[in-house]
C-alpha atoms as a PDB file:
ATOM      1  CA  MET A   1       5.166 -70.957  11.249  1.00  0.00           C
ATOM      2  CA  THR A   2       2.314 -68.344  10.509  1.00  0.00           C
ATOM      3  CA  MET A   3      -1.378 -68.264   9.777  1.00  0.00           C
ATOM      4  CA  PRO A   4      -2.409 -66.876   6.573  1.00  0.00           C
ATOM      5  CA  GLY A   5      -3.851 -63.291   7.132  1.00  0.00           C
ATOM      6  CA  SER A   6      -1.512 -63.203  10.080  1.00  0.00           C
ATOM      7  CA  LEU A   7       1.388 -60.868  10.346  1.00  0.00           C
ATOM      8  CA  PRO A   8       5.231 -62.410  10.039  1.00  0.00           C
ATOM      9  CA  GLU A   9       6.992 -61.645  12.466  1.00  0.00           C
ATOM     10  CA  PRO A  10      10.039 -59.952  12.609  1.00  0.00           C
ATOM     11  CA  GLU A  11      12.669 -62.831  12.452  1.00  0.00           C
ATOM     12  CA  ALA A  12      11.224 -64.274   9.146  1.00  0.00           C
ATOM     13  CA  GLN A  13      11.792 -60.942   7.599  1.00  0.00           C
ATOM     14  CA  ALA A  14      14.737 -60.412   5.018  1.00  0.00           C
ATOM     15  CA  GLY A  15      18.081 -61.036   6.682  1.00  0.00           C
ATOM     16  CA  GLY A  16      16.218 -61.052  10.440  1.00  0.00           C
ATOM     17  CA  ALA A  17      16.568 -57.311  10.079  1.00  0.00           C
ATOM     18  CA  LEU A  18      13.706 -55.075  12.131  1.00  0.00           C
ATOM     19  CA  PRO A  19      12.211 -52.575   9.582  1.00  0.00           C
ATOM     20  CA  PRO A  20      13.178 -48.911   9.481  1.00  0.00           C
ATOM     21  CA  PRO A  21      11.248 -46.901  11.624  1.00  0.00           C
ATOM     22  CA  ALA A  22       8.343 -44.667  10.923  1.00  0.00           C
ATOM     23  CA  PRO A  23       9.219 -41.030  10.601  1.00  0.00           C
ATOM     24  CA  SER A  24       8.434 -39.639  13.907  1.00  0.00           C
ATOM     25  CA  ALA A  25       4.988 -36.727  13.596  1.00  0.00           C
ATOM     26  CA  PRO A  26       7.396 -33.147  13.108  1.00  0.00           C
ATOM     27  CA  GLY A  27       8.179 -31.589  16.477  1.00  0.00           C
ATOM     28  CA  PRO A  28       7.286 -27.810  16.672  1.00  0.00           C
ATOM     29  CA  LEU A  29      11.327 -26.611  15.848  1.00  0.00           C
ATOM     30  CA  THR A  30      10.915 -28.470  12.820  1.00  0.00           C
ATOM     31  CA  ARG A  31       7.556 -26.728  11.734  1.00  0.00           C
ATOM     32  CA  LEU A  32       9.164 -23.314  12.748  1.00  0.00           C
ATOM     33  CA  PRO A  33      10.749 -22.529   9.673  1.00  0.00           C
ATOM     34  CA  ALA A  34       7.987 -23.429   7.701  1.00  0.00           C
ATOM     35  CA  GLN A  35       5.287 -21.382   9.808  1.00  0.00           C
ATOM     36  CA  LEU A  36       8.239 -18.457   9.944  1.00  0.00           C
ATOM     37  CA  MET A  37       8.127 -18.483   5.656  1.00  0.00           C
ATOM     38  CA  GLU A  38       4.167 -18.962   5.626  1.00  0.00           C
ATOM     39  CA  LEU A  39       3.855 -15.139   8.001  1.00  0.00           C
ATOM     40  CA  LEU A  40       6.516 -13.768   5.795  1.00  0.00           C
ATOM     41  CA  GLN A  41       4.502 -14.644   2.618  1.00  0.00           C
ATOM     42  CA  THR A  42       1.057 -12.976   4.322  1.00  0.00           C
ATOM     43  CA  ARG A  43       2.842 -10.053   5.567  1.00  0.00           C
ATOM     44  CA  ILE A  44       4.388  -9.027   2.020  1.00  0.00           C
ATOM     45  CA  GLU A  45       1.291 -10.070   0.277  1.00  0.00           C
ATOM     46  CA  LEU A  46      -0.314  -7.178   3.028  1.00  0.00           C
ATOM     47  CA  LEU A  47       2.137  -4.934   1.512  1.00  0.00           C
ATOM     48  CA  SER A  48       1.839  -5.570  -1.672  1.00  0.00           C
ATOM     49  CA  THR A  49      -2.303  -4.773  -0.873  1.00  0.00           C
ATOM     50  CA  GLU A  50      -1.570  -1.879   0.786  1.00  0.00           C
ATOM     51  CA  LEU A  51       0.578  -0.760  -2.259  1.00  0.00           C
ATOM     52  CA  GLU A  52      -1.595  -1.394  -4.384  1.00  0.00           C
ATOM     53  CA  ALA A  53      -4.454   0.036  -3.026  1.00  0.00           C
ATOM     54  CA  GLU A  54      -2.981   3.572  -2.266  1.00  0.00           C
ATOM     55  CA  LYS A  55      -1.002   3.433  -6.234  1.00  0.00           C
ATOM     56  CA  LEU A  56      -4.886   3.701  -7.080  1.00  0.00           C
ATOM     57  CA  ARG A  57      -6.145   6.155  -4.458  1.00  0.00           C
ATOM     58  CA  LEU A  58      -3.186   8.489  -5.617  1.00  0.00           C
ATOM     59  CA  PHE A  59      -3.635   8.000  -9.303  1.00  0.00           C
ATOM     60  CA  GLY A  60      -7.541   8.158  -8.817  1.00  0.00           C
ATOM     61  CA  ALA A  61      -7.361  11.990  -7.156  1.00  0.00           C
ATOM     62  CA  LEU A  62      -4.577  12.951  -9.416  1.00  0.00           C
ATOM     63  CA  VAL A  63      -6.473  12.236 -12.215  1.00  0.00           C
ATOM     64  CA  GLN A  64      -9.314  14.007 -10.263  1.00  0.00           C
ATOM     65  CA  MET A  65      -6.913  17.471  -9.486  1.00  0.00           C
ATOM     66  CA  LEU A  66      -5.641  17.425 -13.037  1.00  0.00           C
ATOM     67  CA  LEU A  67      -9.090  18.186 -14.679  1.00  0.00           C
ATOM     68  CA  ALA A  68     -10.293  20.156 -11.595  1.00  0.00           C
ATOM     69  CA  LEU A  69      -7.526  22.240 -12.936  1.00  0.00           C
ATOM     70  CA  LEU A  70      -7.967  22.312 -16.706  1.00  0.00           C
ATOM     71  CA  LEU A  71     -11.682  23.330 -15.621  1.00  0.00           C
ATOM     72  CA  ALA A  72     -10.587  25.972 -13.123  1.00  0.00           C
ATOM     73  CA  GLY A  73      -7.728  27.440 -15.369  1.00  0.00           C
ATOM     74  CA  GLY A  74     -10.629  27.624 -18.710  1.00  0.00           C
ATOM     75  CA  ALA A  75     -13.265  29.175 -15.699  1.00  0.00           C
ATOM     76  CA  LEU A  76     -10.608  31.477 -14.727  1.00  0.00           C
ATOM     77  CA  PHE A  77      -9.594  32.356 -18.216  1.00  0.00           C
ATOM     78  CA  MET A  78     -12.957  33.006 -19.209  1.00  0.00           C
ATOM     79  CA  ALA A  79     -13.626  35.191 -15.781  1.00  0.00           C
ATOM     80  CA  SER A  80     -10.484  37.381 -16.291  1.00  0.00           C
ATOM     81  CA  LEU A  81     -11.611  38.024 -20.437  1.00  0.00           C
ATOM     82  CA  ALA A  82     -14.839  39.021 -19.125  1.00  0.00           C
ATOM     83  CA  VAL A  83     -13.551  41.282 -16.294  1.00  0.00           C
ATOM     84  CA  LEU A  84     -11.217  43.278 -18.978  1.00  0.00           C
ATOM     85  CA  MET A  85     -13.777  43.060 -21.508  1.00  0.00           C
ATOM     86  CA  PHE A  86     -16.370  45.479 -19.442  1.00  0.00           C
ATOM     87  CA  CYS A  87     -13.463  47.363 -18.360  1.00  0.00           C
ATOM     88  CA  PRO A  88     -13.625  50.829 -18.946  1.00  0.00           C
ATOM     89  CA  GLU A  89     -10.365  51.524 -22.048  1.00  0.00           C
ATOM     90  CA  ALA A  90      -8.990  53.743 -19.210  1.00  0.00           C
ATOM     91  CA  TRP A  91      -8.862  51.016 -15.870  1.00  0.00           C
ATOM     92  CA  ARG A  92      -8.091  47.966 -17.877  1.00  0.00           C
ATOM     93  CA  GLY A  93      -4.215  48.296 -17.392  1.00  0.00           C
ATOM     94  CA  TRP A  94      -4.725  48.152 -13.211  1.00  0.00           C
ATOM     95  CA  ALA A  95      -7.623  45.639 -13.666  1.00  0.00           C
ATOM     96  CA  ALA A  96      -4.701  43.414 -15.604  1.00  0.00           C
ATOM     97  CA  LEU A  97      -2.865  44.036 -12.827  1.00  0.00           C
ATOM     98  CA  GLY A  98      -4.482  43.157 -10.116  1.00  0.00           C
ATOM     99  CA  LEU A  99      -6.044  40.094 -11.450  1.00  0.00           C
ATOM    100  CA  MET A 100      -2.163  38.917 -12.094  1.00  0.00           C
ATOM    101  CA  SER A 101      -1.813  40.128  -8.192  1.00  0.00           C
ATOM    102  CA  ALA A 102      -4.674  38.364  -7.049  1.00  0.00           C
ATOM    103  CA  TYR A 103      -3.553  34.713  -9.013  1.00  0.00           C
ATOM    104  CA  ALA A 104      -0.509  35.162  -7.477  1.00  0.00           C
ATOM    105  CA  LEU A 105      -1.098  35.326  -4.029  1.00  0.00           C
ATOM    106  CA  LEU A 106      -3.666  32.173  -4.610  1.00  0.00           C
ATOM    107  CA  ALA A 107      -1.263  30.449  -6.306  1.00  0.00           C
ATOM    108  CA  ALA A 108       1.547  30.961  -3.284  1.00  0.00           C
ATOM    109  CA  TRP A 109      -1.698  29.971  -0.888  1.00  0.00           C
ATOM    110  CA  ALA A 110      -1.906  26.835  -2.966  1.00  0.00           C
ATOM    111  CA  TRP A 111       1.439  26.089  -3.110  1.00  0.00           C
ATOM    112  CA  ARG A 112       2.208  26.918   0.632  1.00  0.00           C
ATOM    113  CA  GLY A 113      -1.057  24.057   1.451  1.00  0.00           C
ATOM    114  CA  ALA A 114       0.560  21.256  -0.906  1.00  0.00           C
ATOM    115  CA  ARG A 115       4.142  21.509   0.912  1.00  0.00           C
ATOM    116  CA  ALA A 116       2.210  21.187   3.784  1.00  0.00           C
ATOM    117  CA  GLN A 117      -0.047  18.168   2.907  1.00  0.00           C
ATOM    118  CA  LEU A 118       3.042  16.655   1.553  1.00  0.00           C
ATOM    119  CA  SER A 119       5.401  16.927   4.774  1.00  0.00           C
ATOM    120  CA  ARG A 120       2.111  15.306   6.791  1.00  0.00           C
ATOM    121  CA  PRO A 121       3.231  11.128   7.072  1.00  0.00           C
ATOM    122  CA  SER A 122       0.470   9.464   4.604  1.00  0.00           C
ATOM    123  CA  GLY A 123       0.020   6.208   6.879  1.00  0.00           C
ATOM    124  CA  LEU A 124       1.304   4.542   4.434  1.00  0.00           C
ATOM    125  CA  PHE A 125       1.878   0.410   5.346  1.00  0.00           C
ATOM    126  CA  ALA A 126       0.474   1.335   8.571  1.00  0.00           C
ATOM    127  CA  ALA A 127      -2.078  -2.051   8.591  1.00  0.00           C
ATOM    128  CA  THR A 128       1.712  -4.022   7.727  1.00  0.00           C
ATOM    129  CA  VAL A 129       3.429  -2.422  10.860  1.00  0.00           C
ATOM    130  CA  ALA A 130       0.702  -3.092  12.848  1.00  0.00           C
ATOM    131  CA  GLU A 131       0.812  -7.299  11.765  1.00  0.00           C
ATOM    132  CA  LEU A 132       4.385  -7.372  12.162  1.00  0.00           C
ATOM    133  CA  ALA A 133       4.115  -5.469  16.061  1.00  0.00           C
ATOM    134  CA  ARG A 134       1.718  -8.044  16.882  1.00  0.00           C
ATOM    135  CA  ASP A 135       4.009 -11.350  15.121  1.00  0.00           C
ATOM    136  CA  ARG A 136       6.625  -9.438  17.142  1.00  0.00           C
ATOM    137  CA  ALA A 137       4.657  -9.558  20.693  1.00  0.00           C
ATOM    138  CA  SER A 138       3.447 -13.197  19.845  1.00  0.00           C
ATOM    139  CA  LEU A 139       7.083 -14.299  19.453  1.00  0.00           C
ATOM    140  CA  GLY A 140       7.855 -12.654  22.775  1.00  0.00           C
ATOM    141  CA  GLY A 141      10.311 -10.461  21.090  1.00  0.00           C
END
């Protein structure tokens, strides 16, 4: 006989069966896939952030370089025109050849500098690679 407010005994339940066991707390192995997915998501977000920052940096530099190139071209044209205008008529051909040679040498120098700069690694995704190495070290790999 049960008292009001007391818990019923296990035999008093339907059919005399015991209640189903409460689910056990998740162990480390059951949490591992979720943690790995969370870690992977974090790394992908970091990679995405780095890629976006690199894209914005390159676009900003490209816009500034194009503006500088346009303004430098205008200044160079005007300077060349002034040199040719103030040169005596007998020397104008030689002055034009001299200016053309100087521009060609400067263009070759700029081309070599650009190729050298593009051949060096930029360090893109360095933070992501460092985080992945740290993850591998912490997982014992």
